[in-house]
C-alpha atoms as a PDB file:
ATOM      1  CA  MET A   1     -12.066 108.589 -90.359  1.00  0.00           C
ATOM      2  CA  PRO A   2     -13.975 105.503 -91.602  1.00  0.00           C
ATOM      3  CA  SER A   3     -11.944 102.603 -92.926  1.00  0.00           C
ATOM      4  CA  GLU A   4     -12.199 101.460 -96.524  1.00  0.00           C
ATOM      5  CA  SER A   5     -14.371  98.525 -95.460  1.00  0.00           C
ATOM      6  CA  GLN A   6     -16.616 100.834 -93.438  1.00  0.00           C
ATOM      7  CA  SER A   7     -16.919 103.173 -96.395  1.00  0.00           C
ATOM      8  CA  GLY A   8     -17.840 100.225 -98.587  1.00  0.00           C
ATOM      9  CA  LEU A   9     -20.524  99.136 -96.153  1.00  0.00           C
ATOM     10  CA  SER A  10     -21.895 102.666 -95.964  1.00  0.00           C
ATOM     11  CA  GLU A  11     -21.986 102.938 -99.748  1.00  0.00           C
ATOM     12  CA  SER A  12     -23.751  99.560-100.019  1.00  0.00           C
ATOM     13  CA  SER A  13     -26.260 100.631 -97.392  1.00  0.00           C
ATOM     14  CA  ASN A  14     -26.982 103.863 -99.257  1.00  0.00           C
ATOM     15  CA  LYS A  15     -27.474 101.944-102.500  1.00  0.00           C
ATOM     16  CA  ALA A  16     -29.859  99.534-100.762  1.00  0.00           C
ATOM     17  CA  LYS A  17     -31.871 102.430 -99.352  1.00  0.00           C
ATOM     18  CA  ALA A  18     -32.045 104.025-102.772  1.00  0.00           C
ATOM     19  CA  PHE A  19     -33.172 100.716-104.259  1.00  0.00           C
ATOM     20  CA  ASP A  20     -36.007 100.228-101.733  1.00  0.00           C
ATOM     21  CA  PRO A  21     -38.403 102.786-103.275  1.00  0.00           C
ATOM     22  CA  LEU A  22     -37.841 101.269-106.732  1.00  0.00           C
ATOM     23  CA  LEU A  23     -38.498  97.770-105.406  1.00  0.00           C
ATOM     24  CA  ASN A  24     -41.683  98.953-103.701  1.00  0.00           C
ATOM     25  CA  ARG A  25     -42.862 100.603-106.930  1.00  0.00           C
ATOM     26  CA  LEU A  26     -42.196  97.383-108.832  1.00  0.00           C
ATOM     27  CA  ARG A  27     -44.163  95.397-106.248  1.00  0.00           C
ATOM     28  CA  ARG A  28     -47.106  97.799-106.479  1.00  0.00           C
ATOM     29  CA  TRP A  29     -46.976  97.665-110.275  1.00  0.00           C
ATOM     30  CA  TYR A  30     -46.963  93.855-110.242  1.00  0.00           C
ATOM     31  CA  ALA A  31     -49.891  93.778-107.813  1.00  0.00           C
ATOM     32  CA  ARG A  32     -51.884  96.343-109.803  1.00  0.00           C
ATOM     33  CA  VAL A  33     -51.435  94.937-113.303  1.00  0.00           C
ATOM     34  CA  TRP A  34     -51.364  91.186-112.664  1.00  0.00           C
ATOM     35  CA  HIS A  35     -51.910  89.835-109.153  1.00  0.00           C
ATOM     36  CA  ILE A  36     -54.994  91.852-108.118  1.00  0.00           C
ATOM     37  CA  PRO A  37     -56.822  91.498-111.474  1.00  0.00           C
ATOM     38  CA  ARG A  38     -56.245  87.728-111.291  1.00  0.00           C
ATOM     39  CA  ILE A  39     -57.778  87.634-107.808  1.00  0.00           C
ATOM     40  CA  HIS A  40     -60.768  89.662-108.992  1.00  0.00           C
ATOM     41  CA  ARG A  41     -61.342  87.318-111.944  1.00  0.00           C
ATOM     42  CA  THR A  42     -61.239  84.306-109.624  1.00  0.00           C
ATOM     43  CA  TYR A  43     -64.047  85.533-107.369  1.00  0.00           C
ATOM     44  CA  ARG A  44     -66.036  87.735-109.778  1.00  0.00           C
ATOM     45  CA  SER A  45     -68.957  85.330-110.224  1.00  0.00           C
ATOM     46  CA  LYS A  46     -69.062  84.058-106.623  1.00  0.00           C
ATOM     47  CA  ASN A  47     -71.218  85.350-103.791  1.00  0.00           C
ATOM     48  CA  LEU A  48     -69.760  86.169-100.378  1.00  0.00           C
ATOM     49  CA  ALA A  49     -70.245  82.700 -98.886  1.00  0.00           C
ATOM     50  CA  GLU A  50     -68.688  81.019-101.925  1.00  0.00           C
ATOM     51  CA  THR A  51     -65.819  83.508-102.046  1.00  0.00           C
ATOM     52  CA  PHE A  52     -64.699  83.261 -98.454  1.00  0.00           C
ATOM     53  CA  GLY A  53     -65.406  79.555 -98.278  1.00  0.00           C
ATOM     54  CA  GLU A  54     -62.925  79.131-101.119  1.00  0.00           C
ATOM     55  CA  VAL A  55     -60.476  81.513 -99.420  1.00  0.00           C
ATOM     56  CA  TYR A  56     -60.407  79.225 -96.388  1.00  0.00           C
ATOM     57  CA  ARG A  57     -60.323  75.974 -98.414  1.00  0.00           C
ATOM     58  CA  THR A  58     -57.405  77.149-100.566  1.00  0.00           C
ATOM     59  CA  LYS A  59     -55.526  78.667 -97.600  1.00  0.00           C
ATOM     60  CA  ALA A  60     -55.371  82.021 -99.395  1.00  0.00           C
ATOM     61  CA  TRP A  61     -54.591  83.748 -96.095  1.00  0.00           C
ATOM     62  CA  GLY A  62     -51.979  81.181 -95.078  1.00  0.00           C
ATOM     63  CA  ASP A  63     -51.867  77.777 -93.411  1.00  0.00           C
ATOM     64  CA  ASN A  64     -51.086  77.158 -89.748  1.00  0.00           C
ATOM     65  CA  GLY A  65     -52.156  73.514 -89.792  1.00  0.00           C
ATOM     66  CA  THR A  66     -55.716  74.136 -88.550  1.00  0.00           C
ATOM     67  CA  PRO A  67     -58.886  73.638 -90.618  1.00  0.00           C
ATOM     68  CA  PHE A  68     -59.551  77.398 -90.735  1.00  0.00           C
ATOM     69  CA  PHE A  69     -56.958  80.165 -90.556  1.00  0.00           C
ATOM     70  CA  SER A  70     -57.837  83.863 -90.776  1.00  0.00           C
ATOM     71  CA  GLY A  71     -54.291  84.989 -91.535  1.00  0.00           C
ATOM     72  CA  GLY A  72     -51.396  86.633 -89.759  1.00  0.00           C
ATOM     73  CA  GLY A  73     -53.511  89.667 -88.894  1.00  0.00           C
ATOM     74  CA  SER A  74     -55.399  87.539 -86.366  1.00  0.00           C
ATOM     75  CA  ARG A  75     -52.204  86.770 -84.410  1.00  0.00           C
ATOM     76  CA  GLY A  76     -49.393  88.588 -82.685  1.00  0.00           C
ATOM     77  CA  PRO A  77     -48.905  91.841 -80.756  1.00  0.00           C
ATOM     78  CA  VAL A  78     -51.614  93.742 -82.638  1.00  0.00           C
ATOM     79  CA  VAL A  79     -54.239  91.222 -81.508  1.00  0.00           C
ATOM     80  CA  GLU A  80     -53.047  91.354 -77.903  1.00  0.00           C
ATOM     81  CA  LYS A  81     -53.260  95.154 -77.895  1.00  0.00           C
ATOM     82  CA  TYR A  82     -56.600  95.187 -79.737  1.00  0.00           C
ATOM     83  CA  CYS A  83     -58.158  92.675 -77.347  1.00  0.00           C
ATOM     84  CA  ALA A  84     -56.910  94.652 -74.348  1.00  0.00           C
ATOM     85  CA  PHE A  85     -58.538  97.768 -75.800  1.00  0.00           C
ATOM     86  CA  VAL A  86     -61.855  95.964 -76.426  1.00  0.00           C
ATOM     87  CA  VAL A  87     -61.853  94.467 -72.913  1.00  0.00           C
ATOM     88  CA  GLN A  88     -61.291  97.948 -71.487  1.00  0.00           C
ATOM     89  CA  PHE A  89     -64.129  99.299 -73.659  1.00  0.00           C
ATOM     90  CA  ILE A  90     -66.427  96.518 -72.417  1.00  0.00           C
ATOM     91  CA  GLY A  91     -65.594  97.287 -68.802  1.00  0.00           C
ATOM     92  CA  ASP A  92     -65.933 101.062 -69.125  1.00  0.00           C
ATOM     93  CA  ARG A  93     -69.404 100.792 -70.707  1.00  0.00           C
ATOM     94  CA  GLN A  94     -70.592  97.759 -68.765  1.00  0.00           C
ATOM     95  CA  VAL A  95     -71.197  95.831 -71.984  1.00  0.00           C
ATOM     96  CA  GLN A  96     -73.102  92.593 -71.423  1.00  0.00           C
ATOM     97  CA  SER A  97     -73.281  91.198 -74.965  1.00  0.00           C
ATOM     98  CA  VAL A  98     -71.083  91.255 -78.077  1.00  0.00           C
ATOM     99  CA  VAL A  99     -71.677  90.340 -81.710  1.00  0.00           C
ATOM    100  CA  ASP A 100     -68.466  89.764 -83.683  1.00  0.00           C
ATOM    101  CA  ILE A 101     -69.125  90.133 -87.420  1.00  0.00           C
ATOM    102  CA  GLY A 102     -66.580  88.228 -89.480  1.00  0.00           C
ATOM    103  CA  CYS A 103     -65.471  86.195 -86.467  1.00  0.00           C
ATOM    104  CA  GLY A 104     -63.234  84.055 -88.688  1.00  0.00           C
ATOM    105  CA  ASP A 105     -61.197  81.416 -86.892  1.00  0.00           C
ATOM    106  CA  PHE A 106     -62.325  82.791 -83.484  1.00  0.00           C
ATOM    107  CA  THR A 107     -58.775  83.530 -82.312  1.00  0.00           C
ATOM    108  CA  VAL A 108     -59.597  87.160 -81.503  1.00  0.00           C
ATOM    109  CA  GLY A 109     -62.996  86.416 -79.978  1.00  0.00           C
ATOM    110  CA  ARG A 110     -61.552  83.676 -77.767  1.00  0.00           C
ATOM    111  CA  GLN A 111     -58.898  86.028 -76.419  1.00  0.00           C
ATOM    112  CA  ILE A 112     -61.514  88.689 -75.596  1.00  0.00           C
ATOM    113  CA  LEU A 113     -63.621  86.109 -73.747  1.00  0.00           C
ATOM    114  CA  GLU A 114     -60.640  85.052 -71.649  1.00  0.00           C
ATOM    115  CA  ALA A 115     -60.672  88.515 -70.064  1.00  0.00           C
ATOM    116  CA  ALA A 116     -64.313  89.652 -70.321  1.00  0.00           C
ATOM    117  CA  ASP A 117     -67.439  87.938 -69.007  1.00  0.00           C
ATOM    118  CA  VAL A 118     -69.919  88.714 -71.791  1.00  0.00           C
ATOM    119  CA  ARG A 119     -72.347  86.863 -74.011  1.00  0.00           C
ATOM    120  CA  TYR A 120     -70.678  86.450 -77.386  1.00  0.00           C
ATOM    121  CA  THR A 121     -72.111  85.648 -80.819  1.00  0.00           C
ATOM    122  CA  GLY A 122     -69.667  85.068 -83.644  1.00  0.00           C
ATOM    123  CA  VAL A 123     -71.107  85.749 -87.092  1.00  0.00           C
ATOM    124  CA  ASP A 124     -69.532  84.634 -90.360  1.00  0.00           C
ATOM    125  CA  VAL A 125     -70.744  84.008 -93.887  1.00  0.00           C
ATOM    126  CA  VAL A 126     -68.958  80.649 -94.339  1.00  0.00           C
ATOM    127  CA  PRO A 127     -71.226  77.731 -93.311  1.00  0.00           C
ATOM    128  CA  GLU A 128     -68.385  75.216 -92.832  1.00  0.00           C
ATOM    129  CA  LEU A 129     -66.546  77.619 -90.540  1.00  0.00           C
ATOM    130  CA  ILE A 130     -69.596  78.201 -88.345  1.00  0.00           C
ATOM    131  CA  GLN A 131     -70.328  74.470 -88.215  1.00  0.00           C
ATOM    132  CA  HIS A 132     -66.754  73.835 -87.111  1.00  0.00           C
ATOM    133  CA  HIS A 133     -67.088  76.319 -84.240  1.00  0.00           C
ATOM    134  CA  GLN A 134     -70.463  74.935 -83.189  1.00  0.00           C
ATOM    135  CA  ASN A 135     -68.898  71.474 -82.992  1.00  0.00           C
ATOM    136  CA  THR A 136     -65.719  72.450 -81.164  1.00  0.00           C
ATOM    137  CA  VAL A 137     -66.484  75.447 -78.905  1.00  0.00           C
ATOM    138  CA  HIS A 138     -68.270  74.460 -75.698  1.00  0.00           C
ATOM    139  CA  ASP A 139     -68.573  77.694 -73.732  1.00  0.00           C
ATOM    140  CA  PRO A 140     -72.131  78.445 -72.518  1.00  0.00           C
ATOM    141  CA  ARG A 141     -71.545  82.149 -73.103  1.00  0.00           C
ATOM    142  CA  VAL A 142     -70.751  81.605 -76.774  1.00  0.00           C
ATOM    143  CA  GLY A 143     -72.888  81.049 -79.861  1.00  0.00           C
ATOM    144  CA  PHE A 144     -72.254  81.183 -83.607  1.00  0.00           C
ATOM    145  CA  LEU A 145     -74.481  82.232 -86.484  1.00  0.00           C
ATOM    146  CA  CYS A 146     -73.980  81.818 -90.221  1.00  0.00           C
ATOM    147  CA  ALA A 147     -75.187  85.042 -91.818  1.00  0.00           C
ATOM    148  CA  ASP A 148     -74.339  87.537 -94.541  1.00  0.00           C
ATOM    149  CA  ALA A 149     -74.063  90.854 -92.696  1.00  0.00           C
ATOM    150  CA  THR A 150     -74.877  92.783 -95.877  1.00  0.00           C
ATOM    151  CA  ARG A 151     -78.439  91.403 -96.048  1.00  0.00           C
ATOM    152  CA  ASP A 152     -79.368  88.894 -93.323  1.00  0.00           C
ATOM    153  CA  PRO A 153     -80.950  89.750 -89.952  1.00  0.00           C
ATOM    154  CA  LEU A 154     -78.361  90.068 -87.186  1.00  0.00           C
ATOM    155  CA  PRO A 155     -78.763  89.313 -83.471  1.00  0.00           C
ATOM    156  CA  SER A 156     -78.981  92.168 -80.974  1.00  0.00           C
ATOM    157  CA  ALA A 157     -76.141  93.115 -78.634  1.00  0.00           C
ATOM    158  CA  ASP A 158     -74.699  96.044 -76.746  1.00  0.00           C
ATOM    159  CA  LEU A 159     -71.500  96.016 -78.798  1.00  0.00           C
ATOM    160  CA  CYS A 160     -70.730  95.012 -82.380  1.00  0.00           C
ATOM    161  CA  LEU A 161     -67.147  94.295 -83.454  1.00  0.00           C
ATOM    162  CA  ILE A 162     -66.141  94.451 -87.119  1.00  0.00           C
ATOM    163  CA  ARG A 163     -62.417  93.897 -87.433  1.00  0.00           C
ATOM    164  CA  GLN A 164     -60.613  93.830 -90.793  1.00  0.00           C
ATOM    165  CA  VAL A 165     -63.777  92.725 -92.579  1.00  0.00           C
ATOM    166  CA  PHE A 166     -64.786  95.745 -94.648  1.00  0.00           C
ATOM    167  CA  GLN A 167     -61.351  95.800 -96.308  1.00  0.00           C
ATOM    168  CA  HIS A 168     -62.398  92.650 -98.198  1.00  0.00           C
ATOM    169  CA  LEU A 169     -65.765  94.018 -99.411  1.00  0.00           C
ATOM    170  CA  SER A 170     -66.908  96.386-102.144  1.00  0.00           C
ATOM    171  CA  ASN A 171     -68.113  99.865-101.216  1.00  0.00           C
ATOM    172  CA  ASP A 172     -71.694  98.861-101.988  1.00  0.00           C
ATOM    173  CA  GLU A 173     -71.413  95.833 -99.712  1.00  0.00           C
ATOM    174  CA  ILE A 174     -69.939  98.004 -96.945  1.00  0.00           C
ATOM    175  CA  SER A 175     -72.839 100.453 -97.296  1.00  0.00           C
ATOM    176  CA  ARG A 176     -75.385  97.650 -97.080  1.00  0.00           C
ATOM    177  CA  ALA A 177     -73.663  96.190 -94.018  1.00  0.00           C
ATOM    178  CA  LEU A 178     -73.651  99.593 -92.304  1.00  0.00           C
ATOM    179  CA  ALA A 179     -77.371  99.985 -92.991  1.00  0.00           C
ATOM    180  CA  ASN A 180     -77.908  96.584 -91.364  1.00  0.00           C
ATOM    181  CA  LEU A 181     -76.302  97.504 -88.027  1.00  0.00           C
ATOM    182  CA  THR A 182     -79.567  98.446 -86.342  1.00  0.00           C
ATOM    183  CA  ASN A 183     -79.334  96.215 -83.279  1.00  0.00           C
ATOM    184  CA  PHE A 184     -76.317  97.661 -81.473  1.00  0.00           C
ATOM    185  CA  LEU A 185     -75.607 100.545 -79.107  1.00  0.00           C
ATOM    186  CA  TRP A 186     -71.943 100.732 -80.086  1.00  0.00           C
ATOM    187  CA  ILE A 187     -70.043  99.555 -83.154  1.00  0.00           C
ATOM    188  CA  LEU A 188     -66.250  99.317 -83.275  1.00  0.00           C
ATOM    189  CA  VAL A 189     -64.888  99.090 -86.820  1.00  0.00           C
ATOM    190  CA  SER A 190     -61.183  98.327 -87.221  1.00  0.00           C
ATOM    191  CA  GLU A 191     -59.335  98.516 -90.540  1.00  0.00           C
ATOM    192  CA  GLU A 192     -55.717  98.395 -91.592  1.00  0.00           C
ATOM    193  CA  VAL A 193     -55.084 101.697 -93.372  1.00  0.00           C
ATOM    194  CA  PRO A 194     -52.163 103.708 -94.744  1.00  0.00           C
ATOM    195  CA  PHE A 195     -51.529 106.843 -92.709  1.00  0.00           C
ATOM    196  CA  GLU A 196     -51.018 108.854 -95.923  1.00  0.00           C
ATOM    197  CA  PRO A 197     -53.415 107.182 -98.383  1.00  0.00           C
ATOM    198  CA  THR A 198     -53.254 107.915-102.092  1.00  0.00           C
ATOM    199  CA  SER A 199     -57.061 107.672-102.044  1.00  0.00           C
ATOM    200  CA  TYR A 200     -59.910 106.983 -99.668  1.00  0.00           C
ATOM    201  CA  ASN A 201     -62.236 104.002-100.087  1.00  0.00           C
ATOM    202  CA  LEU A 202     -60.962 102.886-103.483  1.00  0.00           C
ATOM    203  CA  ASP A 203     -63.687 100.544-104.694  1.00  0.00           C
ATOM    204  CA  LYS A 204     -62.963  96.870-105.313  1.00  0.00           C
ATOM    205  CA  PRO A 205     -64.934  93.649-105.715  1.00  0.00           C
ATOM    206  CA  HIS A 206     -65.110  91.371-102.696  1.00  0.00           C
ATOM    207  CA  GLY A 207     -62.245  88.943-102.217  1.00  0.00           C
ATOM    208  CA  PRO A 208     -59.213  88.083-100.095  1.00  0.00           C
ATOM    209  CA  ASP A 209     -57.240  91.150-101.245  1.00  0.00           C
ATOM    210  CA  VAL A 210     -57.341  94.567 -99.563  1.00  0.00           C
ATOM    211  CA  ARG A 211     -57.227  98.191-100.672  1.00  0.00           C
ATOM    212  CA  GLY A 212     -53.853  98.684 -99.012  1.00  0.00           C
ATOM    213  CA  PHE A 213     -52.203  96.994-102.001  1.00  0.00           C
ATOM    214  CA  GLN A 214     -53.171 100.116-103.953  1.00  0.00           C
ATOM    215  CA  GLY A 215     -52.424 102.738-101.318  1.00  0.00           C
ATOM    216  CA  SER A 216     -56.007 103.048-100.116  1.00  0.00           C
ATOM    217  CA  GLY A 217     -58.099 101.825 -97.205  1.00  0.00           C
ATOM    218  CA  VAL A 218     -61.557 101.919 -95.664  1.00  0.00           C
ATOM    219  CA  PHE A 219     -62.263 105.276 -94.008  1.00  0.00           C
ATOM    220  CA  LEU A 220     -65.901 105.453 -92.913  1.00  0.00           C
ATOM    221  CA  ASP A 221     -65.629 109.201 -92.280  1.00  0.00           C
ATOM    222  CA  GLN A 222     -64.799 109.828 -95.955  1.00  0.00           C
ATOM    223  CA  PRO A 223     -67.009 109.608 -99.083  1.00  0.00           C
ATOM    224  CA  PRO A 224     -68.945 107.630-100.148  1.00  0.00           C
ATOM    225  CA  PHE A 225     -69.770 106.745 -96.515  1.00  0.00           C
ATOM    226  CA  SER A 226     -69.171 110.111 -94.787  1.00  0.00           C
ATOM    227  CA  MET A 227     -70.239 108.830 -91.382  1.00  0.00           C
ATOM    228  CA  ALA A 228     -69.811 110.516 -88.032  1.00  0.00           C
ATOM    229  CA  VAL A 229     -67.142 108.423 -86.319  1.00  0.00           C
ATOM    230  CA  THR A 230     -64.672 108.857 -83.497  1.00  0.00           C
ATOM    231  CA  GLU A 231     -61.218 107.365 -83.796  1.00  0.00           C
ATOM    232  CA  VAL A 232     -60.693 105.591 -80.479  1.00  0.00           C
ATOM    233  CA  TRP A 233     -57.621 103.415 -81.007  1.00  0.00           C
ATOM    234  CA  ARG A 234     -54.678 102.970 -83.351  1.00  0.00           C
ATOM    235  CA  PHE A 235     -51.873 100.428 -83.566  1.00  0.00           C
ATOM    236  CA  THR A 236     -48.880 101.226 -85.755  1.00  0.00           C
ATOM    237  CA  PHE A 237     -47.600  98.372 -87.942  1.00  0.00           C
ATOM    238  CA  THR A 238     -45.028 100.438 -89.831  1.00  0.00           C
ATOM    239  CA  PRO A 239     -44.293 104.167 -90.057  1.00  0.00           C
ATOM    240  CA  HIS A 240     -46.781 104.203 -92.926  1.00  0.00           C
ATOM    241  CA  SER A 241     -49.695 101.992 -91.873  1.00  0.00           C
ATOM    242  CA  GLY A 242     -51.595 100.646 -88.925  1.00  0.00           C
ATOM    243  CA  LEU A 243     -54.850  99.322 -87.525  1.00  0.00           C
ATOM    244  CA  ARG A 244     -57.360 102.138 -87.032  1.00  0.00           C
ATOM    245  CA  THR A 245     -60.446 101.601 -84.867  1.00  0.00           C
ATOM    246  CA  VAL A 246     -63.411 103.961 -85.032  1.00  0.00           C
ATOM    247  CA  LEU A 247     -66.543 104.085 -82.922  1.00  0.00           C
ATOM    248  CA  LEU A 248     -70.003 104.429 -84.392  1.00  0.00           C
ATOM    249  CA  GLU A 249     -72.842 104.948 -81.951  1.00  0.00           C
ATOM    250  CA  HIS A 250     -76.507 104.131 -82.479  1.00  0.00           C
ATOM    251  CA  ARG A 251     -77.440 107.767 -83.050  1.00  0.00           C
ATOM    252  CA  ALA A 252     -74.605 108.237 -85.574  1.00  0.00           C
ATOM    253  CA  LEU A 253     -76.377 105.787 -87.889  1.00  0.00           C
ATOM    254  CA  GLY A 254     -79.472 107.960 -87.892  1.00  0.00           C
ATOM    255  CA  LEU A 255     -81.426 105.402 -85.846  1.00  0.00           C
ATOM    256  CA  SER A 256     -83.694 105.804 -82.892  1.00  0.00           C
ATOM    257  CA  SER A 257     -83.403 103.518 -79.902  1.00  0.00           C
ATOM    258  CA  SER A 258     -86.115 100.900 -79.644  1.00  0.00           C
END
């Protein structure tokens, strides 16, 4: 029979568990009615380069003491597992060249290059970020290009990586980026998604926030994209969400090989 103190602890634990759903609802309400609209107002009139340049300058994704920081999602066990998966993919398909769209602070790309001997081009829309990499990265296999993937020409490669990029873009911008992926045999798109979303591809303006705040995520196999994809990898963050990677092949985009 539990002691009085044990019973008290059990009762407190039950109350805490009961309070958790209420706290989560309050957090979602706060994000929906105040925090997210404020973010959208901040970046409404800015283009992609201006938006994400300001995100880096203001440390909107955090500050680890370096000039550019792509946030906690570019560190930790998920990155180690993701990079291991990509390296295995590169080896299995004898990939010789990689374009990394939204390369950010280059933490993920650098880790891939430590284990795979490929030519790598990091692409990002922020000029200062690309200039920083060009000045500080001295690997002959590596190059960097400042480009807007929704409209600018992209370099050719066997493999294109797009990791946690689309979650920051509007649906129209995602569609334009997808239409621009004409130079790759394989495209791996990775997005953090809820496993039981309240909606698919909830539209949003571009910015540092993500659809997950509102119970949604980017699912390329669902409208308005409705693309033929194959889920090839998943990493679970919590029982309710994780990083989902899908494969698009050249023919799935309705393109013919050159």
